[in-house]
C-alpha atoms as a PDB file:
ATOM      1  CA  MET A   1     -35.075  -2.618  -6.911  1.00  0.00           C
ATOM      2  CA  LYS A   2     -34.058  -5.440  -9.255  1.00  0.00           C
ATOM      3  CA  LEU A   3     -36.494  -7.768  -7.502  1.00  0.00           C
ATOM      4  CA  PHE A   4     -39.328  -5.270  -7.917  1.00  0.00           C
ATOM      5  CA  PHE A   5     -38.466  -4.808 -11.594  1.00  0.00           C
ATOM      6  CA  SER A   6     -38.417  -8.589 -12.084  1.00  0.00           C
ATOM      7  CA  ILE A   7     -41.825  -8.927 -10.432  1.00  0.00           C
ATOM      8  CA  VAL A   8     -43.300  -6.196 -12.634  1.00  0.00           C
ATOM      9  CA  VAL A   9     -41.827  -7.706 -15.808  1.00  0.00           C
ATOM     10  CA  GLY A  10     -43.069 -11.170 -14.809  1.00  0.00           C
ATOM     11  CA  GLY A  11     -46.554  -9.796 -14.245  1.00  0.00           C
ATOM     12  CA  LEU A  12     -46.558  -8.052 -17.613  1.00  0.00           C
ATOM     13  CA  LEU A  13     -45.396 -11.232 -19.333  1.00  0.00           C
ATOM     14  CA  GLY A  14     -48.167 -13.183 -17.613  1.00  0.00           C
ATOM     15  CA  ILE A  15     -50.749 -10.695 -18.859  1.00  0.00           C
ATOM     16  CA  LEU A  16     -49.238 -10.820 -22.372  1.00  0.00           C
ATOM     17  CA  ALA A  17     -49.440 -14.610 -22.375  1.00  0.00           C
ATOM     18  CA  LEU A  18     -53.179 -14.391 -21.758  1.00  0.00           C
ATOM     19  CA  THR A  19     -53.821 -11.878 -24.548  1.00  0.00           C
ATOM     20  CA  GLY A  20     -53.422 -14.277 -27.447  1.00  0.00           C
ATOM     21  CA  PRO A  21     -50.904 -15.583 -29.942  1.00  0.00           C
ATOM     22  CA  ILE A  22     -48.784 -12.423 -30.038  1.00  0.00           C
ATOM     23  CA  GLY A  23     -48.293 -12.489 -26.268  1.00  0.00           C
ATOM     24  CA  ILE A  24     -47.479 -16.183 -26.275  1.00  0.00           C
ATOM     25  CA  PHE A  25     -44.942 -15.584 -29.061  1.00  0.00           C
ATOM     26  CA  LEU A  26     -43.245 -12.808 -27.053  1.00  0.00           C
ATOM     27  CA  VAL A  27     -43.114 -14.920 -23.901  1.00  0.00           C
ATOM     28  CA  CYS A  28     -41.674 -17.911 -25.779  1.00  0.00           C
ATOM     29  CA  THR A  29     -39.123 -15.660 -27.478  1.00  0.00           C
ATOM     30  CA  ILE A  30     -37.974 -14.294 -24.129  1.00  0.00           C
ATOM     31  CA  ILE A  31     -37.712 -17.817 -22.698  1.00  0.00           C
ATOM     32  CA  VAL A  32     -35.605 -18.987 -25.657  1.00  0.00           C
ATOM     33  CA  ILE A  33     -33.329 -15.959 -25.293  1.00  0.00           C
ATOM     34  CA  VAL A  34     -32.859 -16.643 -21.576  1.00  0.00           C
ATOM     35  CA  ILE A  35     -32.008 -20.308 -22.249  1.00  0.00           C
ATOM     36  CA  PHE A  36     -29.546 -19.334 -24.989  1.00  0.00           C
ATOM     37  CA  ARG A  37     -27.869 -16.723 -22.782  1.00  0.00           C
ATOM     38  CA  SER A  38     -27.628 -19.238 -19.922  1.00  0.00           C
ATOM     39  CA  PHE A  39     -25.933 -21.697 -22.280  1.00  0.00           C
ATOM     40  CA  LEU A  40     -23.391 -19.057 -23.286  1.00  0.00           C
ATOM     41  CA  LEU A  41     -22.682 -18.257 -19.637  1.00  0.00           C
ATOM     42  CA  LEU A  42     -22.184 -21.955 -18.880  1.00  0.00           C
ATOM     43  CA  VAL A  43     -19.678 -22.176 -21.738  1.00  0.00           C
ATOM     44  CA  GLU A  44     -17.770 -19.188 -20.330  1.00  0.00           C
ATOM     45  CA  ILE A  45     -17.764 -20.710 -16.831  1.00  0.00           C
ATOM     46  CA  HIS A  46     -16.508 -23.999 -18.300  1.00  0.00           C
ATOM     47  CA  LYS A  47     -13.652 -22.187 -20.052  1.00  0.00           C
ATOM     48  CA  HIS A  48     -12.568 -20.574 -16.784  1.00  0.00           C
ATOM     49  CA  VAL A  49     -12.952 -23.650 -14.582  1.00  0.00           C
ATOM     50  CA  VAL A  50     -11.483 -26.395 -16.778  1.00  0.00           C
ATOM     51  CA  PRO A  51      -7.832 -25.795 -17.630  1.00  0.00           C
ATOM     52  CA  VAL A  52      -6.791 -25.908 -21.260  1.00  0.00           C
ATOM     53  CA  ASP A  53      -4.012 -28.431 -20.676  1.00  0.00           C
ATOM     54  CA  ALA A  54      -6.330 -30.978 -19.033  1.00  0.00           C
ATOM     55  CA  ASN A  55      -6.178 -33.182 -22.131  1.00  0.00           C
ATOM     56  CA  ASP A  56      -2.369 -33.185 -22.121  1.00  0.00           C
ATOM     57  CA  HIS A  57      -2.260 -35.525 -19.114  1.00  0.00           C
ATOM     58  CA  VAL A  58      -4.530 -37.991 -20.834  1.00  0.00           C
ATOM     59  CA  LYS A  59      -2.536 -37.773 -24.050  1.00  0.00           C
ATOM     60  CA  ASP A  60       0.750 -38.343 -22.192  1.00  0.00           C
ATOM     61  CA  ALA A  61      -0.662 -41.345 -20.334  1.00  0.00           C
ATOM     62  CA  TYR A  62      -1.969 -42.841 -23.586  1.00  0.00           C
ATOM     63  CA  GLU A  63       1.400 -42.383 -25.297  1.00  0.00           C
ATOM     64  CA  ARG A  64       3.207 -44.029 -22.344  1.00  0.00           C
ATOM     65  CA  TYR A  65       0.744 -46.916 -22.491  1.00  0.00           C
ATOM     66  CA  MET A  66       1.309 -47.406 -26.215  1.00  0.00           C
ATOM     67  CA  ILE A  67       5.105 -47.351 -25.750  1.00  0.00           C
ATOM     68  CA  GLU A  68       4.933 -49.872 -22.891  1.00  0.00           C
ATOM     69  CA  ARG A  69       2.589 -52.073 -24.907  1.00  0.00           C
ATOM     70  CA  ALA A  70       4.932 -52.004 -27.902  1.00  0.00           C
ATOM     71  CA  GLU A  71       7.897 -52.876 -25.629  1.00  0.00           C
ATOM     72  CA  LYS A  72       5.997 -55.829 -24.129  1.00  0.00           C
ATOM     73  CA  GLU A  73       5.045 -57.112 -27.579  1.00  0.00           C
ATOM     74  CA  ASN A  74       8.633 -56.804 -28.780  1.00  0.00           C
ATOM     75  CA  SER A  75      10.063 -58.517 -25.710  1.00  0.00           C
ATOM     76  CA  GLY A  76       7.506 -61.341 -26.055  1.00  0.00           C
ATOM     77  CA  ASN A  77       8.461 -61.954 -29.690  1.00  0.00           C
ATOM     78  CA  GLU A  78      12.165 -62.267 -28.940  1.00  0.00           C
END
């Protein structure tokens, strides 16, 4: 039933696009809305897939590197 509804809506949008500037405006508006909604869904998927503490590992590794670098510089000066 959803497929049939999508086919009917697609046909109506095609006819609207041929009717003039108002139809083209409606079709473009619908396309922009679909792109915007897809972007929001991608953001939600990203929030669920990527853990929040993913940056903590990078931060810890950077801090360890800076500490080791400081120790090497201090041992080289002495």
